Amino acid sequence: MAVSGAVRKNRSLVFGAVGVVLAAVLAAAAAYGWHEHNKPSQASAADCRLAQRIVDEARRLPKDAKAADAWGRRTATMRRAHMKDGYLGAQISNYEGWAVLHAKGEGEPPTGKELARIAKEANSHCTDAGITLTLPAFAS
């Protein structure tokens, strides 16, 4: 049985359309996989709440070197023991360090640009948890 040219053309169009759709689905799946692979680690809501609690405590540090150092050690130990997302912990530890130095009257506070970068990076780890961290600037 001979297949007419019109049937062959229709069949080719159908197979071509299926091929295009399949290629689009595969490209979308690959793009999604690439995005998921490269996005920042996502911390738990508990990690994000702990991070905000540390930042809030840092704002109330007394201007006493011994007390600030003790708080810094205690907080670092607590953060390492309880915070599962080490990448979020690294950003918060930067803020902790600045807070201790500020309380002791040493060093320079972070610039607005540095603080914005740290806040953006820390918040990128709390996206899925739906928590926005607030890292206020240090008063002069």
C-alpha atoms as a PDB file:
ATOM      1  CA  MET A   1       0.000   0.000   0.000  1.00  0.00           C
ATOM      2  CA  ALA A   2       1.461   3.301  -1.061  1.00  0.00           C
ATOM      3  CA  VAL A   3       1.348   6.314   1.256  1.00  0.00           C
ATOM      4  CA  SER A   4       0.306   9.519  -0.433  1.00  0.00           C
ATOM      5  CA  GLY A   5       2.456  12.639  -0.249  1.00  0.00           C
ATOM      6  CA  ALA A   6      -0.164  14.504   1.810  1.00  0.00           C
ATOM      7  CA  VAL A   7      -0.282  11.780   4.490  1.00  0.00           C
ATOM      8  CA  ARG A   8       3.503  11.642   4.618  1.00  0.00           C
ATOM      9  CA  LYS A   9       3.638  15.449   4.976  1.00  0.00           C
ATOM     10  CA  ASN A  10       1.033  15.417   7.785  1.00  0.00           C
ATOM     11  CA  ARG A  11       2.883  12.650   9.597  1.00  0.00           C
ATOM     12  CA  SER A  12       6.137  14.602   9.313  1.00  0.00           C
ATOM     13  CA  LEU A  13       4.458  17.722  10.726  1.00  0.00           C
ATOM     14  CA  VAL A  14       3.034  15.768  13.683  1.00  0.00           C
ATOM     15  CA  PHE A  15       6.380  14.137  14.467  1.00  0.00           C
ATOM     16  CA  GLY A  16       8.130  17.492  14.076  1.00  0.00           C
ATOM     17  CA  ALA A  17       5.678  19.180  16.458  1.00  0.00           C
ATOM     18  CA  VAL A  18       6.089  16.380  19.007  1.00  0.00           C
ATOM     19  CA  GLY A  19       9.870  16.744  18.698  1.00  0.00           C
ATOM     20  CA  VAL A  20       9.708  20.502  19.283  1.00  0.00           C
ATOM     21  CA  VAL A  21       7.462  20.074  22.338  1.00  0.00           C
ATOM     22  CA  LEU A  22       9.729  17.347  23.728  1.00  0.00           C
ATOM     23  CA  ALA A  23      12.811  19.522  23.201  1.00  0.00           C
ATOM     24  CA  ALA A  24      11.099  22.451  24.973  1.00  0.00           C
ATOM     25  CA  VAL A  25      10.142  20.246  27.942  1.00  0.00           C
ATOM     26  CA  LEU A  26      13.690  18.896  28.202  1.00  0.00           C
ATOM     27  CA  ALA A  27      15.152  22.411  28.013  1.00  0.00           C
ATOM     28  CA  ALA A  28      12.784  23.636  30.749  1.00  0.00           C
ATOM     29  CA  ALA A  29      13.647  20.664  32.960  1.00  0.00           C
ATOM     30  CA  ALA A  30      17.365  21.268  32.456  1.00  0.00           C
ATOM     31  CA  ALA A  31      16.987  24.975  33.269  1.00  0.00           C
ATOM     32  CA  TYR A  32      15.029  24.170  36.432  1.00  0.00           C
ATOM     33  CA  GLY A  33      17.631  21.615  37.506  1.00  0.00           C
ATOM     34  CA  TRP A  34      20.436  24.095  36.878  1.00  0.00           C
ATOM     35  CA  HIS A  35      18.621  26.771  38.899  1.00  0.00           C
ATOM     36  CA  GLU A  36      17.976  24.404  41.821  1.00  0.00           C
ATOM     37  CA  HIS A  37      21.586  23.242  41.761  1.00  0.00           C
ATOM     38  CA  ASN A  38      23.004  26.777  41.833  1.00  0.00           C
ATOM     39  CA  LYS A  39      20.649  28.560  44.226  1.00  0.00           C
ATOM     40  CA  PRO A  40      21.840  29.225  47.783  1.00  0.00           C
ATOM     41  CA  SER A  41      21.272  26.576  50.411  1.00  0.00           C
ATOM     42  CA  GLN A  42      17.940  27.035  52.142  1.00  0.00           C
ATOM     43  CA  ALA A  43      17.983  27.248  55.909  1.00  0.00           C
ATOM     44  CA  SER A  44      15.150  26.035  58.074  1.00  0.00           C
ATOM     45  CA  ALA A  45      12.765  28.494  59.680  1.00  0.00           C
ATOM     46  CA  ALA A  46      14.388  27.643  63.031  1.00  0.00           C
ATOM     47  CA  ASP A  47      17.823  28.608  61.663  1.00  0.00           C
ATOM     48  CA  CYS A  48      16.457  31.891  60.319  1.00  0.00           C
ATOM     49  CA  ARG A  49      14.725  32.707  63.613  1.00  0.00           C
ATOM     50  CA  LEU A  50      17.957  31.928  65.495  1.00  0.00           C
ATOM     51  CA  ALA A  51      19.878  34.199  63.119  1.00  0.00           C
ATOM     52  CA  GLN A  52      17.458  37.066  63.760  1.00  0.00           C
ATOM     53  CA  ARG A  53      17.624  36.462  67.514  1.00  0.00           C
ATOM     54  CA  ILE A  54      21.435  36.701  67.391  1.00  0.00           C
ATOM     55  CA  VAL A  55      21.226  39.954  65.416  1.00  0.00           C
ATOM     56  CA  ASP A  56      18.678  41.370  67.869  1.00  0.00           C
ATOM     57  CA  GLU A  57      20.897  40.449  70.844  1.00  0.00           C
ATOM     58  CA  ALA A  58      23.904  42.005  69.116  1.00  0.00           C
ATOM     59  CA  ARG A  59      22.092  45.339  69.036  1.00  0.00           C
ATOM     60  CA  ARG A  60      21.814  45.318  72.847  1.00  0.00           C
ATOM     61  CA  LEU A  61      25.418  44.461  73.743  1.00  0.00           C
ATOM     62  CA  PRO A  62      26.820  46.489  76.623  1.00  0.00           C
ATOM     63  CA  LYS A  63      29.839  48.698  75.918  1.00  0.00           C
ATOM     64  CA  ASP A  64      31.988  46.415  78.061  1.00  0.00           C
ATOM     65  CA  ALA A  65      34.858  44.462  76.480  1.00  0.00           C
ATOM     66  CA  LYS A  66      34.604  41.446  78.805  1.00  0.00           C
ATOM     67  CA  ALA A  67      30.838  41.154  78.453  1.00  0.00           C
ATOM     68  CA  ALA A  68      31.039  41.570  74.670  1.00  0.00           C
ATOM     69  CA  ASP A  69      33.750  38.905  74.362  1.00  0.00           C
ATOM     70  CA  ALA A  70      31.770  36.518  76.581  1.00  0.00           C
ATOM     71  CA  TRP A  71      28.639  37.101  74.494  1.00  0.00           C
ATOM     72  CA  GLY A  72      30.615  36.515  71.304  1.00  0.00           C
ATOM     73  CA  ARG A  73      31.989  33.182  72.550  1.00  0.00           C
ATOM     74  CA  ARG A  74      28.634  32.035  73.939  1.00  0.00           C
ATOM     75  CA  THR A  75      26.758  33.022  70.789  1.00  0.00           C
ATOM     76  CA  ALA A  76      29.306  31.405  68.468  1.00  0.00           C
ATOM     77  CA  THR A  77      29.049  28.154  70.437  1.00  0.00           C
ATOM     78  CA  MET A  78      25.245  28.275  70.341  1.00  0.00           C
ATOM     79  CA  ARG A  79      25.196  29.105  66.610  1.00  0.00           C
ATOM     80  CA  ARG A  80      27.566  26.251  65.761  1.00  0.00           C
ATOM     81  CA  ALA A  81      25.582  23.792  67.888  1.00  0.00           C
ATOM     82  CA  HIS A  82      22.075  24.705  66.726  1.00  0.00           C
ATOM     83  CA  MET A  83      22.266  26.319  63.282  1.00  0.00           C
ATOM     84  CA  LYS A  84      22.254  23.626  60.611  1.00  0.00           C
ATOM     85  CA  ASP A  85      22.907  25.897  57.606  1.00  0.00           C
ATOM     86  CA  GLY A  86      26.578  26.796  57.787  1.00  0.00           C
ATOM     87  CA  TYR A  87      26.326  29.308  54.952  1.00  0.00           C
ATOM     88  CA  LEU A  88      23.735  31.349  56.851  1.00  0.00           C
ATOM     89  CA  GLY A  89      25.856  30.899  59.976  1.00  0.00           C
ATOM     90  CA  ALA A  90      28.884  32.366  58.201  1.00  0.00           C
ATOM     91  CA  GLN A  91      26.983  35.547  57.339  1.00  0.00           C
ATOM     92  CA  ILE A  92      25.619  35.889  60.866  1.00  0.00           C
ATOM     93  CA  SER A  93      29.079  35.295  62.354  1.00  0.00           C
ATOM     94  CA  ASN A  94      30.326  38.316  60.376  1.00  0.00           C
ATOM     95  CA  TYR A  95      27.625  40.428  62.000  1.00  0.00           C
ATOM     96  CA  GLU A  96      28.465  38.949  65.432  1.00  0.00           C
ATOM     97  CA  GLY A  97      32.110  39.897  64.983  1.00  0.00           C
ATOM     98  CA  TRP A  98      31.241  43.448  64.022  1.00  0.00           C
ATOM     99  CA  ALA A  99      28.895  43.711  67.016  1.00  0.00           C
ATOM    100  CA  VAL A 100      31.591  42.594  69.452  1.00  0.00           C
ATOM    101  CA  LEU A 101      34.144  45.006  67.986  1.00  0.00           C
ATOM    102  CA  HIS A 102      31.601  47.828  68.066  1.00  0.00           C
ATOM    103  CA  ALA A 103      30.704  47.101  71.709  1.00  0.00           C
ATOM    104  CA  LYS A 104      34.403  47.152  72.614  1.00  0.00           C
ATOM    105  CA  GLY A 105      34.926  50.412  70.728  1.00  0.00           C
ATOM    106  CA  GLU A 106      37.370  48.790  68.319  1.00  0.00           C
ATOM    107  CA  GLY A 107      37.542  48.662  64.554  1.00  0.00           C
ATOM    108  CA  GLU A 108      35.317  50.327  62.038  1.00  0.00           C
ATOM    109  CA  PRO A 109      31.642  49.480  61.660  1.00  0.00           C
ATOM    110  CA  PRO A 110      30.711  47.953  58.317  1.00  0.00           C
ATOM    111  CA  THR A 111      29.834  50.328  55.537  1.00  0.00           C
ATOM    112  CA  GLY A 112      26.260  50.441  54.355  1.00  0.00           C
ATOM    113  CA  LYS A 113      27.353  48.568  51.243  1.00  0.00           C
ATOM    114  CA  GLU A 114      29.008  45.776  53.286  1.00  0.00           C
ATOM    115  CA  LEU A 115      25.985  45.487  55.546  1.00  0.00           C
ATOM    116  CA  ALA A 116      23.606  45.372  52.575  1.00  0.00           C
ATOM    117  CA  ARG A 117      25.698  42.604  50.979  1.00  0.00           C
ATOM    118  CA  ILE A 118      25.689  40.536  54.189  1.00  0.00           C
ATOM    119  CA  ALA A 119      21.937  41.067  54.654  1.00  0.00           C
ATOM    120  CA  LYS A 120      21.208  40.103  51.044  1.00  0.00           C
ATOM    121  CA  GLU A 121      23.359  36.979  51.304  1.00  0.00           C
ATOM    122  CA  ALA A 122      21.825  35.962  54.653  1.00  0.00           C
ATOM    123  CA  ASN A 123      18.300  36.550  53.361  1.00  0.00           C
ATOM    124  CA  SER A 124      18.990  34.446  50.271  1.00  0.00           C
ATOM    125  CA  HIS A 125      19.254  31.455  52.617  1.00  0.00           C
ATOM    126  CA  CYS A 126      15.890  32.215  54.282  1.00  0.00           C
ATOM    127  CA  THR A 127      13.766  32.558  51.129  1.00  0.00           C
ATOM    128  CA  ASP A 128      12.032  29.174  51.396  1.00  0.00           C
ATOM    129  CA  ALA A 129      11.464  29.686  55.139  1.00  0.00           C
ATOM    130  CA  GLY A 130       9.563  32.886  54.350  1.00  0.00           C
ATOM    131  CA  ILE A 131      11.570  34.880  56.890  1.00  0.00           C
ATOM    132  CA  THR A 132      13.235  38.204  56.140  1.00  0.00           C
ATOM    133  CA  LEU A 133      16.218  38.983  58.330  1.00  0.00           C
ATOM    134  CA  THR A 134      16.811  42.570  59.394  1.00  0.00           C
ATOM    135  CA  LEU A 135      20.435  43.512  60.020  1.00  0.00           C
ATOM    136  CA  PRO A 136      20.479  47.110  61.252  1.00  0.00           C
ATOM    137  CA  ALA A 137      23.526  49.348  60.987  1.00  0.00           C
ATOM    138  CA  PHE A 138      25.630  50.033  64.060  1.00  0.00           C
ATOM    139  CA  ALA A 139      25.218  53.438  65.654  1.00  0.00           C
ATOM    140  CA  SER A 140      28.389  55.536  65.691  1.00  0.00           C
END
